[in-house]
Structure formats: C-alpha cells, structure tokens
Amino acid sequence: MGRERFGELEEQVVLALLQLGGESYAVPVSEELRGRAGREVSPATVYMVMRRLESQGLLSSFVGSPDPLRGGRPRRYYRVEEDAVMPVLAEARRARLALWDGLEPRLDEA
C-alpha cells in the first residue's frame, strides 16, 4: 500500500535508514539525522514516523533479541521496503531538484 509523496521528516527518516544499510532502530536513525542533516529529532519521534511508514507498507519491522542493557527488553528494528520506497523517493528527489533548478546562482551570491 504505497503512496505518492513523503513529508519532509518521513523522507529524511527513510534516507537515514538507507544510509544505515536499510535497517535499524530509532536511536541510530536519530543520530544519523543529527549528524548528516543537523536535525535534532528524538528517538521517540523517529519511532512514531517509522511506525506510520510501516502502516503504509513502506517499512517492515521485526523484534530483535532481548537486550540486557535495556532490562531484557528487545529492540524493534525497521527495514526499508525498497520496492515500495524507491519510486516515492525518486519522485520526491525529482520534484525537489525541479524546484531548485536555476536558483544556484542566487545561492552563490548569498
């Protein structure tokens, strides 16, 4: 059940997941967003976005092994469903680049 467009945060979460190999849990995704995009997003917010993307068929999830550092609780990992996500990402990139087209000289002046 894909869709045609992402919101900005959804797009960035998917891109961060892809940068992390296509599969991760919320904390590394949050750290990737901070490191690559300079965007501070809490792991709880990332988790909510990933759950929403999963409900749309763009991600899938699985529960990892129990973690003694988390009191025996396992982590939920999310995996990018590339067949569903890549066409949406391609369209988002195309639309964003079309909006930027011709504005580079103005950026150079700034």
C-alpha atoms as a PDB file:
ATOM      1  CA  MET A   1       0.000   0.000   0.000  1.00  0.00           C
ATOM      2  CA  GLY A   2       2.438   2.720  -1.082  1.00  0.00           C
ATOM      3  CA  ARG A   3       1.705   6.352  -1.715  1.00  0.00           C
ATOM      4  CA  GLU A   4       2.889   9.157  -3.930  1.00  0.00           C
ATOM      5  CA  ARG A   5       4.639  11.592  -1.545  1.00  0.00           C
ATOM      6  CA  PHE A   6       6.582  11.865   1.700  1.00  0.00           C
ATOM      7  CA  GLY A   7       6.555  14.605   4.265  1.00  0.00           C
ATOM      8  CA  GLU A   8       9.986  16.131   4.888  1.00  0.00           C
ATOM      9  CA  LEU A   9      10.663  14.226   8.128  1.00  0.00           C
ATOM     10  CA  GLU A  10       9.417  10.957   6.629  1.00  0.00           C
ATOM     11  CA  GLU A  11      11.745  11.409   3.679  1.00  0.00           C
ATOM     12  CA  GLN A  12      14.688  12.138   5.968  1.00  0.00           C
ATOM     13  CA  VAL A  13      13.952   9.119   8.178  1.00  0.00           C
ATOM     14  CA  VAL A  14      13.864   6.824   5.135  1.00  0.00           C
ATOM     15  CA  LEU A  15      17.088   8.342   3.778  1.00  0.00           C
ATOM     16  CA  ALA A  16      18.765   7.898   7.190  1.00  0.00           C
ATOM     17  CA  LEU A  17      17.624   4.263   7.284  1.00  0.00           C
ATOM     18  CA  LEU A  18      19.085   3.721   3.829  1.00  0.00           C
ATOM     19  CA  GLN A  19      22.365   5.340   4.939  1.00  0.00           C
ATOM     20  CA  LEU A  20      22.394   2.831   7.827  1.00  0.00           C
ATOM     21  CA  GLY A  21      22.145  -0.113   5.441  1.00  0.00           C
ATOM     22  CA  GLY A  22      18.356  -0.190   5.081  1.00  0.00           C
ATOM     23  CA  GLU A  23      17.599  -1.455   8.561  1.00  0.00           C
ATOM     24  CA  SER A  24      17.926  -0.029  12.072  1.00  0.00           C
ATOM     25  CA  TYR A  25      16.118   1.080  15.204  1.00  0.00           C
ATOM     26  CA  ALA A  26      15.187   4.610  16.283  1.00  0.00           C
ATOM     27  CA  VAL A  27      18.322   5.740  18.168  1.00  0.00           C
ATOM     28  CA  PRO A  28      20.821   5.311  15.288  1.00  0.00           C
ATOM     29  CA  VAL A  29      18.318   6.897  12.888  1.00  0.00           C
ATOM     30  CA  SER A  30      18.019   9.892  15.218  1.00  0.00           C
ATOM     31  CA  GLU A  31      21.824  10.135  15.416  1.00  0.00           C
ATOM     32  CA  GLU A  32      22.119   9.867  11.618  1.00  0.00           C
ATOM     33  CA  LEU A  33      19.653  12.737  11.180  1.00  0.00           C
ATOM     34  CA  ARG A  34      21.645  14.860  13.621  1.00  0.00           C
ATOM     35  CA  GLY A  35      24.991  14.008  12.024  1.00  0.00           C
ATOM     36  CA  ARG A  36      24.065  14.266   8.343  1.00  0.00           C
ATOM     37  CA  ALA A  37      21.227  16.793   8.305  1.00  0.00           C
ATOM     38  CA  GLY A  38      21.902  18.735  11.503  1.00  0.00           C
ATOM     39  CA  ARG A  39      18.342  17.927  12.533  1.00  0.00           C
ATOM     40  CA  GLU A  40      17.563  17.181  16.171  1.00  0.00           C
ATOM     41  CA  VAL A  41      14.806  14.571  16.263  1.00  0.00           C
ATOM     42  CA  SER A  42      14.132  12.496  19.347  1.00  0.00           C
ATOM     43  CA  PRO A  43      14.215   8.707  19.035  1.00  0.00           C
ATOM     44  CA  ALA A  44      10.553   8.676  20.139  1.00  0.00           C
ATOM     45  CA  THR A  45       9.614  10.884  17.195  1.00  0.00           C
ATOM     46  CA  VAL A  46      11.648   8.724  14.802  1.00  0.00           C
ATOM     47  CA  TYR A  47       9.896   5.640  16.182  1.00  0.00           C
ATOM     48  CA  MET A  48       6.456   7.196  15.573  1.00  0.00           C
ATOM     49  CA  VAL A  49       7.428   8.113  11.996  1.00  0.00           C
ATOM     50  CA  MET A  50       8.735   4.598  11.346  1.00  0.00           C
ATOM     51  CA  ARG A  51       5.510   3.070  12.710  1.00  0.00           C
ATOM     52  CA  ARG A  52       3.474   5.313  10.402  1.00  0.00           C
ATOM     53  CA  LEU A  53       5.641   4.356   7.404  1.00  0.00           C
ATOM     54  CA  GLU A  54       5.239   0.691   8.323  1.00  0.00           C
ATOM     55  CA  SER A  55       1.446   1.055   8.375  1.00  0.00           C
ATOM     56  CA  GLN A  56       1.721   2.412   4.815  1.00  0.00           C
ATOM     57  CA  GLY A  57       3.775  -0.579   3.651  1.00  0.00           C
ATOM     58  CA  LEU A  58       6.972   1.416   3.149  1.00  0.00           C
ATOM     59  CA  LEU A  59       8.850  -0.196   6.064  1.00  0.00           C
ATOM     60  CA  SER A  60       8.593  -3.543   7.798  1.00  0.00           C
ATOM     61  CA  SER A  61       9.702  -4.351  11.324  1.00  0.00           C
ATOM     62  CA  PHE A  62      10.924  -7.182  13.476  1.00  0.00           C
ATOM     63  CA  VAL A  63      11.804  -7.585  17.129  1.00  0.00           C
ATOM     64  CA  GLY A  64      15.445  -8.250  17.966  1.00  0.00           C
ATOM     65  CA  SER A  65      16.861 -10.345  20.781  1.00  0.00           C
ATOM     66  CA  PRO A  66      16.342  -9.273  24.393  1.00  0.00           C
ATOM     67  CA  ASP A  67      18.938  -6.708  25.447  1.00  0.00           C
ATOM     68  CA  PRO A  68      20.327  -6.901  28.994  1.00  0.00           C
ATOM     69  CA  LEU A  69      21.214  -3.178  28.812  1.00  0.00           C
ATOM     70  CA  ARG A  70      17.504  -2.468  28.295  1.00  0.00           C
ATOM     71  CA  GLY A  71      16.347  -4.604  31.216  1.00  0.00           C
ATOM     72  CA  GLY A  72      15.847  -7.604  28.954  1.00  0.00           C
ATOM     73  CA  ARG A  73      13.561  -5.748  26.553  1.00  0.00           C
ATOM     74  CA  PRO A  74      14.185  -6.307  22.852  1.00  0.00           C
ATOM     75  CA  ARG A  75      14.505  -3.529  20.281  1.00  0.00           C
ATOM     76  CA  ARG A  76      12.165  -3.126  17.329  1.00  0.00           C
ATOM     77  CA  TYR A  77      14.095  -2.819  14.083  1.00  0.00           C
ATOM     78  CA  TYR A  78      12.671  -1.299  10.911  1.00  0.00           C
ATOM     79  CA  ARG A  79      13.628  -2.291   7.378  1.00  0.00           C
ATOM     80  CA  VAL A  80      13.092  -0.266   4.215  1.00  0.00           C
ATOM     81  CA  GLU A  81      10.806  -1.993   1.696  1.00  0.00           C
ATOM     82  CA  GLU A  82      12.766  -0.799  -1.328  1.00  0.00           C
ATOM     83  CA  ASP A  83      10.211  -1.829  -3.956  1.00  0.00           C
ATOM     84  CA  ALA A  84       7.671   0.452  -2.276  1.00  0.00           C
ATOM     85  CA  VAL A  85      10.008   3.249  -1.140  1.00  0.00           C
ATOM     86  CA  MET A  86      12.330   3.856  -4.075  1.00  0.00           C
ATOM     87  CA  PRO A  87       9.677   5.130  -6.515  1.00  0.00           C
ATOM     88  CA  VAL A  88       8.413   7.559  -3.852  1.00  0.00           C
ATOM     89  CA  LEU A  89      11.966   8.733  -3.102  1.00  0.00           C
ATOM     90  CA  ALA A  90      12.723   9.134  -6.806  1.00  0.00           C
ATOM     91  CA  GLU A  91       9.666  11.342  -7.271  1.00  0.00           C
ATOM     92  CA  ALA A  92      10.486  13.393  -4.153  1.00  0.00           C
ATOM     93  CA  ARG A  93      14.033  13.956  -5.424  1.00  0.00           C
ATOM     94  CA  ARG A  94      12.836  14.877  -8.900  1.00  0.00           C
ATOM     95  CA  ALA A  95      10.334  17.392  -7.517  1.00  0.00           C
ATOM     96  CA  ARG A  96      12.881  18.932  -5.138  1.00  0.00           C
ATOM     97  CA  LEU A  97      15.522  19.290  -7.866  1.00  0.00           C
ATOM     98  CA  ALA A  98      12.962  20.844 -10.218  1.00  0.00           C
ATOM     99  CA  LEU A  99      12.220  23.495  -7.606  1.00  0.00           C
ATOM    100  CA  TRP A 100      15.948  24.224  -7.155  1.00  0.00           C
ATOM    101  CA  ASP A 101      16.605  24.380 -10.898  1.00  0.00           C
ATOM    102  CA  GLY A 102      18.036  27.772 -11.849  1.00  0.00           C
ATOM    103  CA  LEU A 103      18.452  29.030  -8.293  1.00  0.00           C
ATOM    104  CA  GLU A 104      22.105  28.060  -7.873  1.00  0.00           C
ATOM    105  CA  PRO A 105      23.436  31.494  -8.983  1.00  0.00           C
ATOM    106  CA  ARG A 106      21.303  33.175  -6.323  1.00  0.00           C
ATOM    107  CA  LEU A 107      22.740  30.828  -3.696  1.00  0.00           C
ATOM    108  CA  ASP A 108      26.280  31.643  -4.812  1.00  0.00           C
ATOM    109  CA  GLU A 109      25.531  35.343  -4.167  1.00  0.00           C
ATOM    110  CA  ALA A 110      24.352  34.691  -0.597  1.00  0.00           C
END
